[in-house]
């Protein structure tokens, strides 16, 4: 017979009622699979919403340039908040590539850190922004990259509301610059290691 969770294995709910079902992880223990790679590069976006797919396009080109390496994993995701945090578990560093709407000229490539990303990528009111998700993950004991080891390459977009698989001209022209920026970060991280 399997023994049930001990009371100290669970975060208790506030107020009266049943305990929450969020397991507490002992320090140093990881949630999720053990990853042999150290850096995770994630291109974020929706492939059907025109310029929102820019992160996916950049990640594909970065992956093709880097090839298979033991120290880097390149992925494409359409998630944010808690699911993005879960994807980062077990990695020492992360580079996120995403679309940004800040009023700058479309195609502008920026380097940001998690504190610059106070909005959430998810449309769900039940999700949280990246800094909150990382803080919550760390509180549960998940091994996540430190905030200063999470870098964001953002590309200013023009149109993320039109259903189309083709990006606008300015954003499409920015992809090679964004790829160069990501590769420069990877090279810098490798030198620092």
C-alpha atoms as a PDB file:
ATOM      1  CA  UNK A   1       0.000   0.000   0.000  1.00  0.00           C
ATOM      2  CA  UNK A   2       1.365   3.411  -0.990  1.00  0.00           C
ATOM      3  CA  UNK A   3       1.677   5.871   1.830  1.00  0.00           C
ATOM      4  CA  UNK A   4      -0.130   9.182   1.293  1.00  0.00           C
ATOM      5  CA  UNK A   5       1.585  12.549   1.457  1.00  0.00           C
ATOM      6  CA  UNK A   6       2.732  13.780   4.819  1.00  0.00           C
ATOM      7  CA  UNK A   7       1.267  17.054   6.015  1.00  0.00           C
ATOM      8  CA  UNK A   8       4.603  18.845   5.538  1.00  0.00           C
ATOM      9  CA  UNK A   9       4.739  17.723   1.868  1.00  0.00           C
ATOM     10  CA  UNK A  10       1.955  20.093   0.878  1.00  0.00           C
ATOM     11  CA  UNK A  11       1.457  23.818   0.865  1.00  0.00           C
ATOM     12  CA  UNK A  12      -1.654  24.403   2.921  1.00  0.00           C
ATOM     13  CA  UNK A  13      -4.494  26.510   1.600  1.00  0.00           C
ATOM     14  CA  UNK A  14      -5.226  29.827   3.199  1.00  0.00           C
ATOM     15  CA  UNK A  15      -8.236  29.802   5.483  1.00  0.00           C
ATOM     16  CA  UNK A  16     -10.281  26.710   6.180  1.00  0.00           C
ATOM     17  CA  UNK A  17     -10.604  23.752   3.873  1.00  0.00           C
ATOM     18  CA  UNK A  18      -8.547  21.095   2.190  1.00  0.00           C
ATOM     19  CA  UNK A  19      -4.811  21.473   1.583  1.00  0.00           C
ATOM     20  CA  UNK A  20      -3.691  22.691  -1.818  1.00  0.00           C
ATOM     21  CA  UNK A  21      -2.198  20.055  -4.048  1.00  0.00           C
ATOM     22  CA  UNK A  22       1.079  21.810  -4.815  1.00  0.00           C
ATOM     23  CA  UNK A  23       3.889  19.508  -3.663  1.00  0.00           C
ATOM     24  CA  UNK A  24       6.790  21.028  -1.822  1.00  0.00           C
ATOM     25  CA  UNK A  25      10.159  19.965  -3.213  1.00  0.00           C
ATOM     26  CA  UNK A  26      13.156  19.581  -0.902  1.00  0.00           C
ATOM     27  CA  UNK A  27      15.963  22.032  -1.666  1.00  0.00           C
ATOM     28  CA  UNK A  28      18.104  20.852  -4.546  1.00  0.00           C
ATOM     29  CA  UNK A  29      15.508  18.414  -5.865  1.00  0.00           C
ATOM     30  CA  UNK A  30      14.225  19.107  -9.337  1.00  0.00           C
ATOM     31  CA  UNK A  31      10.706  19.003 -10.627  1.00  0.00           C
ATOM     32  CA  UNK A  32      10.699  17.311 -14.019  1.00  0.00           C
ATOM     33  CA  UNK A  33      13.328  15.354 -15.912  1.00  0.00           C
ATOM     34  CA  UNK A  34      17.047  15.751 -15.388  1.00  0.00           C
ATOM     35  CA  UNK A  35      18.473  17.606 -18.371  1.00  0.00           C
ATOM     36  CA  UNK A  36      22.030  17.058 -19.544  1.00  0.00           C
ATOM     37  CA  UNK A  37      21.997  20.447 -21.279  1.00  0.00           C
ATOM     38  CA  UNK A  38      22.764  23.665 -19.473  1.00  0.00           C
ATOM     39  CA  UNK A  39      21.176  26.369 -21.637  1.00  0.00           C
ATOM     40  CA  UNK A  40      17.612  26.329 -22.913  1.00  0.00           C
ATOM     41  CA  UNK A  41      16.724  28.562 -25.854  1.00  0.00           C
ATOM     42  CA  UNK A  42      12.982  28.945 -26.334  1.00  0.00           C
ATOM     43  CA  UNK A  43      11.316  30.676 -29.255  1.00  0.00           C
ATOM     44  CA  UNK A  44       7.866  31.802 -28.147  1.00  0.00           C
ATOM     45  CA  UNK A  45       4.861  32.632 -30.268  1.00  0.00           C
ATOM     46  CA  UNK A  46       1.774  31.618 -32.155  1.00  0.00           C
ATOM     47  CA  UNK A  47       2.542  30.449 -35.702  1.00  0.00           C
ATOM     48  CA  UNK A  48      -0.897  31.572 -36.918  1.00  0.00           C
ATOM     49  CA  UNK A  49      -0.783  35.183 -35.712  1.00  0.00           C
ATOM     50  CA  UNK A  50       1.494  36.851 -38.226  1.00  0.00           C
ATOM     51  CA  UNK A  51       4.359  38.623 -36.369  1.00  0.00           C
ATOM     52  CA  UNK A  52       3.725  36.739 -33.123  1.00  0.00           C
ATOM     53  CA  UNK A  53       5.568  33.818 -34.752  1.00  0.00           C
ATOM     54  CA  UNK A  54       8.879  35.719 -34.900  1.00  0.00           C
ATOM     55  CA  UNK A  55      10.283  33.929 -31.830  1.00  0.00           C
ATOM     56  CA  UNK A  56       9.589  30.577 -33.470  1.00  0.00           C
ATOM     57  CA  UNK A  57      11.343  31.611 -36.697  1.00  0.00           C
ATOM     58  CA  UNK A  58      14.394  32.863 -34.817  1.00  0.00           C
ATOM     59  CA  UNK A  59      14.593  29.669 -32.720  1.00  0.00           C
ATOM     60  CA  UNK A  60      14.471  27.505 -35.868  1.00  0.00           C
ATOM     61  CA  UNK A  61      17.381  29.385 -37.423  1.00  0.00           C
ATOM     62  CA  UNK A  62      19.366  29.338 -34.163  1.00  0.00           C
ATOM     63  CA  UNK A  63      18.822  25.584 -33.906  1.00  0.00           C
ATOM     64  CA  UNK A  64      19.910  25.041 -37.501  1.00  0.00           C
ATOM     65  CA  UNK A  65      23.052  27.127 -36.928  1.00  0.00           C
ATOM     66  CA  UNK A  66      24.031  25.491 -33.629  1.00  0.00           C
ATOM     67  CA  UNK A  67      23.206  21.926 -34.643  1.00  0.00           C
ATOM     68  CA  UNK A  68      23.064  19.273 -31.941  1.00  0.00           C
ATOM     69  CA  UNK A  69      25.024  20.261 -28.852  1.00  0.00           C
ATOM     70  CA  UNK A  70      25.136  18.766 -25.380  1.00  0.00           C
ATOM     71  CA  UNK A  71      25.219  22.166 -23.674  1.00  0.00           C
ATOM     72  CA  UNK A  72      22.259  23.813 -25.493  1.00  0.00           C
ATOM     73  CA  UNK A  73      18.672  22.802 -26.217  1.00  0.00           C
ATOM     74  CA  UNK A  74      16.570  24.828 -28.661  1.00  0.00           C
ATOM     75  CA  UNK A  75      12.782  24.614 -28.424  1.00  0.00           C
ATOM     76  CA  UNK A  76       9.638  26.276 -29.752  1.00  0.00           C
ATOM     77  CA  UNK A  77       6.733  26.928 -27.391  1.00  0.00           C
ATOM     78  CA  UNK A  78       3.391  28.721 -27.372  1.00  0.00           C
ATOM     79  CA  UNK A  79       3.162  29.043 -23.592  1.00  0.00           C
ATOM     80  CA  UNK A  80       3.838  31.618 -20.931  1.00  0.00           C
ATOM     81  CA  UNK A  81       3.781  32.036 -17.168  1.00  0.00           C
ATOM     82  CA  UNK A  82       3.680  28.820 -15.163  1.00  0.00           C
ATOM     83  CA  UNK A  83       4.052  26.482 -18.143  1.00  0.00           C
ATOM     84  CA  UNK A  84       7.061  28.436 -19.379  1.00  0.00           C
ATOM     85  CA  UNK A  85       8.583  28.230 -15.896  1.00  0.00           C
ATOM     86  CA  UNK A  86       8.015  24.458 -15.833  1.00  0.00           C
ATOM     87  CA  UNK A  87       9.803  24.151 -19.181  1.00  0.00           C
ATOM     88  CA  UNK A  88      12.868  25.914 -17.718  1.00  0.00           C
ATOM     89  CA  UNK A  89      13.256  23.534 -14.754  1.00  0.00           C
ATOM     90  CA  UNK A  90      16.663  21.873 -14.606  1.00  0.00           C
ATOM     91  CA  UNK A  91      18.512  24.358 -16.806  1.00  0.00           C
ATOM     92  CA  UNK A  92      21.261  26.701 -15.638  1.00  0.00           C
ATOM     93  CA  UNK A  93      20.516  29.402 -18.208  1.00  0.00           C
ATOM     94  CA  UNK A  94      17.650  30.351 -20.485  1.00  0.00           C
ATOM     95  CA  UNK A  95      17.312  32.553 -23.534  1.00  0.00           C
ATOM     96  CA  UNK A  96      13.744  33.455 -24.461  1.00  0.00           C
ATOM     97  CA  UNK A  97      12.893  34.868 -27.889  1.00  0.00           C
ATOM     98  CA  UNK A  98       9.557  36.644 -28.186  1.00  0.00           C
ATOM     99  CA  UNK A  99       7.502  39.292 -29.911  1.00  0.00           C
ATOM    100  CA  UNK A 100       7.135  42.669 -28.191  1.00  0.00           C
ATOM    101  CA  UNK A 101       4.757  45.611 -28.631  1.00  0.00           C
ATOM    102  CA  UNK A 102       6.249  48.699 -27.012  1.00  0.00           C
ATOM    103  CA  UNK A 103       5.744  51.404 -29.618  1.00  0.00           C
ATOM    104  CA  UNK A 104       9.232  51.166 -31.122  1.00  0.00           C
ATOM    105  CA  UNK A 105       9.854  50.788 -34.848  1.00  0.00           C
ATOM    106  CA  UNK A 106       8.769  47.321 -36.047  1.00  0.00           C
ATOM    107  CA  UNK A 107      11.787  45.050 -36.461  1.00  0.00           C
ATOM    108  CA  UNK A 108      13.750  46.584 -33.571  1.00  0.00           C
ATOM    109  CA  UNK A 109      15.669  43.848 -31.702  1.00  0.00           C
ATOM    110  CA  UNK A 110      16.043  44.351 -27.940  1.00  0.00           C
ATOM    111  CA  UNK A 111      17.802  42.526 -25.107  1.00  0.00           C
ATOM    112  CA  UNK A 112      15.708  42.388 -21.932  1.00  0.00           C
ATOM    113  CA  UNK A 113      15.711  40.590 -18.596  1.00  0.00           C
ATOM    114  CA  UNK A 114      12.761  38.987 -16.763  1.00  0.00           C
ATOM    115  CA  UNK A 115      12.094  42.111 -14.693  1.00  0.00           C
ATOM    116  CA  UNK A 116      11.330  43.963 -17.933  1.00  0.00           C
ATOM    117  CA  UNK A 117       8.558  41.471 -18.692  1.00  0.00           C
ATOM    118  CA  UNK A 118       5.850  42.337 -16.178  1.00  0.00           C
ATOM    119  CA  UNK A 119       3.009  41.403 -18.508  1.00  0.00           C
ATOM    120  CA  UNK A 120       1.950  37.829 -19.036  1.00  0.00           C
ATOM    121  CA  UNK A 121       2.227  35.984 -22.343  1.00  0.00           C
ATOM    122  CA  UNK A 122      -0.854  33.917 -21.579  1.00  0.00           C
ATOM    123  CA  UNK A 123      -4.378  35.233 -22.098  1.00  0.00           C
ATOM    124  CA  UNK A 124      -5.583  33.281 -19.062  1.00  0.00           C
ATOM    125  CA  UNK A 125      -6.504  35.188 -15.926  1.00  0.00           C
ATOM    126  CA  UNK A 126      -5.344  32.112 -13.989  1.00  0.00           C
ATOM    127  CA  UNK A 127      -1.759  32.421 -15.189  1.00  0.00           C
ATOM    128  CA  UNK A 128       1.014  34.731 -13.967  1.00  0.00           C
ATOM    129  CA  UNK A 129       3.809  36.777 -15.527  1.00  0.00           C
ATOM    130  CA  UNK A 130       7.349  35.424 -15.916  1.00  0.00           C
ATOM    131  CA  UNK A 131       8.943  36.990 -12.790  1.00  0.00           C
ATOM    132  CA  UNK A 132       6.082  35.712 -10.613  1.00  0.00           C
ATOM    133  CA  UNK A 133       6.217  32.242 -12.187  1.00  0.00           C
ATOM    134  CA  UNK A 134       9.987  31.996 -11.602  1.00  0.00           C
ATOM    135  CA  UNK A 135       9.615  33.144  -7.981  1.00  0.00           C
ATOM    136  CA  UNK A 136       6.814  30.625  -7.361  1.00  0.00           C
ATOM    137  CA  UNK A 137       8.828  27.815  -8.933  1.00  0.00           C
ATOM    138  CA  UNK A 138      11.831  28.600  -6.751  1.00  0.00           C
ATOM    139  CA  UNK A 139       9.642  28.657  -3.635  1.00  0.00           C
ATOM    140  CA  UNK A 140       8.502  25.116  -4.412  1.00  0.00           C
ATOM    141  CA  UNK A 141      12.128  24.004  -4.762  1.00  0.00           C
ATOM    142  CA  UNK A 142      12.306  23.745  -8.553  1.00  0.00           C
ATOM    143  CA  UNK A 143      15.827  24.210  -9.899  1.00  0.00           C
ATOM    144  CA  UNK A 144      15.510  27.189 -12.222  1.00  0.00           C
ATOM    145  CA  UNK A 145      17.987  29.607 -13.763  1.00  0.00           C
ATOM    146  CA  UNK A 146      18.626  32.675 -11.602  1.00  0.00           C
ATOM    147  CA  UNK A 147      17.028  35.881 -12.909  1.00  0.00           C
ATOM    148  CA  UNK A 148      20.434  37.133 -14.071  1.00  0.00           C
ATOM    149  CA  UNK A 149      20.812  33.934 -16.138  1.00  0.00           C
ATOM    150  CA  UNK A 150      17.535  34.424 -18.011  1.00  0.00           C
ATOM    151  CA  UNK A 151      17.916  36.653 -21.047  1.00  0.00           C
ATOM    152  CA  UNK A 152      15.186  37.759 -23.409  1.00  0.00           C
ATOM    153  CA  UNK A 153      15.645  38.707 -27.038  1.00  0.00           C
ATOM    154  CA  UNK A 154      12.541  40.640 -28.059  1.00  0.00           C
ATOM    155  CA  UNK A 155      11.572  41.751 -31.528  1.00  0.00           C
ATOM    156  CA  UNK A 156       9.240  44.722 -31.924  1.00  0.00           C
ATOM    157  CA  UNK A 157       6.247  43.582 -33.972  1.00  0.00           C
ATOM    158  CA  UNK A 158       3.749  45.305 -36.207  1.00  0.00           C
ATOM    159  CA  UNK A 159       0.785  42.915 -36.490  1.00  0.00           C
ATOM    160  CA  UNK A 160      -0.109  40.153 -34.017  1.00  0.00           C
ATOM    161  CA  UNK A 161      -3.858  40.190 -34.613  1.00  0.00           C
ATOM    162  CA  UNK A 162      -4.116  39.002 -38.221  1.00  0.00           C
ATOM    163  CA  UNK A 163      -4.413  35.272 -38.828  1.00  0.00           C
ATOM    164  CA  UNK A 164      -1.595  34.699 -41.287  1.00  0.00           C
ATOM    165  CA  UNK A 165       1.519  32.544 -41.316  1.00  0.00           C
ATOM    166  CA  UNK A 166       3.535  35.237 -43.128  1.00  0.00           C
ATOM    167  CA  UNK A 167       5.240  37.900 -41.016  1.00  0.00           C
ATOM    168  CA  UNK A 168       5.300  41.570 -41.986  1.00  0.00           C
ATOM    169  CA  UNK A 169       8.294  42.716 -44.008  1.00  0.00           C
ATOM    170  CA  UNK A 170       9.965  44.691 -41.196  1.00  0.00           C
ATOM    171  CA  UNK A 171       9.699  41.844 -38.696  1.00  0.00           C
ATOM    172  CA  UNK A 172      10.812  39.212 -41.196  1.00  0.00           C
ATOM    173  CA  UNK A 173      13.877  41.356 -42.000  1.00  0.00           C
ATOM    174  CA  UNK A 174      14.741  41.463 -38.257  1.00  0.00           C
ATOM    175  CA  UNK A 175      15.051  37.668 -37.921  1.00  0.00           C
ATOM    176  CA  UNK A 176      18.752  37.493 -38.951  1.00  0.00           C
ATOM    177  CA  UNK A 177      19.639  40.274 -36.453  1.00  0.00           C
ATOM    178  CA  UNK A 178      17.783  38.451 -33.684  1.00  0.00           C
ATOM    179  CA  UNK A 179      19.547  35.190 -34.589  1.00  0.00           C
ATOM    180  CA  UNK A 180      22.914  36.981 -34.352  1.00  0.00           C
ATOM    181  CA  UNK A 181      21.936  38.400 -30.942  1.00  0.00           C
ATOM    182  CA  UNK A 182      21.010  34.941 -29.599  1.00  0.00           C
ATOM    183  CA  UNK A 183      24.210  33.367 -30.962  1.00  0.00           C
ATOM    184  CA  UNK A 184      26.255  36.164 -29.361  1.00  0.00           C
ATOM    185  CA  UNK A 185      24.619  35.433 -25.995  1.00  0.00           C
ATOM    186  CA  UNK A 186      25.373  31.711 -26.352  1.00  0.00           C
ATOM    187  CA  UNK A 187      29.021  32.477 -27.216  1.00  0.00           C
ATOM    188  CA  UNK A 188      29.328  34.870 -24.272  1.00  0.00           C
ATOM    189  CA  UNK A 189      27.835  32.295 -21.907  1.00  0.00           C
ATOM    190  CA  UNK A 190      30.215  29.615 -23.191  1.00  0.00           C
ATOM    191  CA  UNK A 191      33.223  31.898 -22.562  1.00  0.00           C
ATOM    192  CA  UNK A 192      31.981  32.680 -19.051  1.00  0.00           C
ATOM    193  CA  UNK A 193      31.503  28.988 -18.163  1.00  0.00           C
END
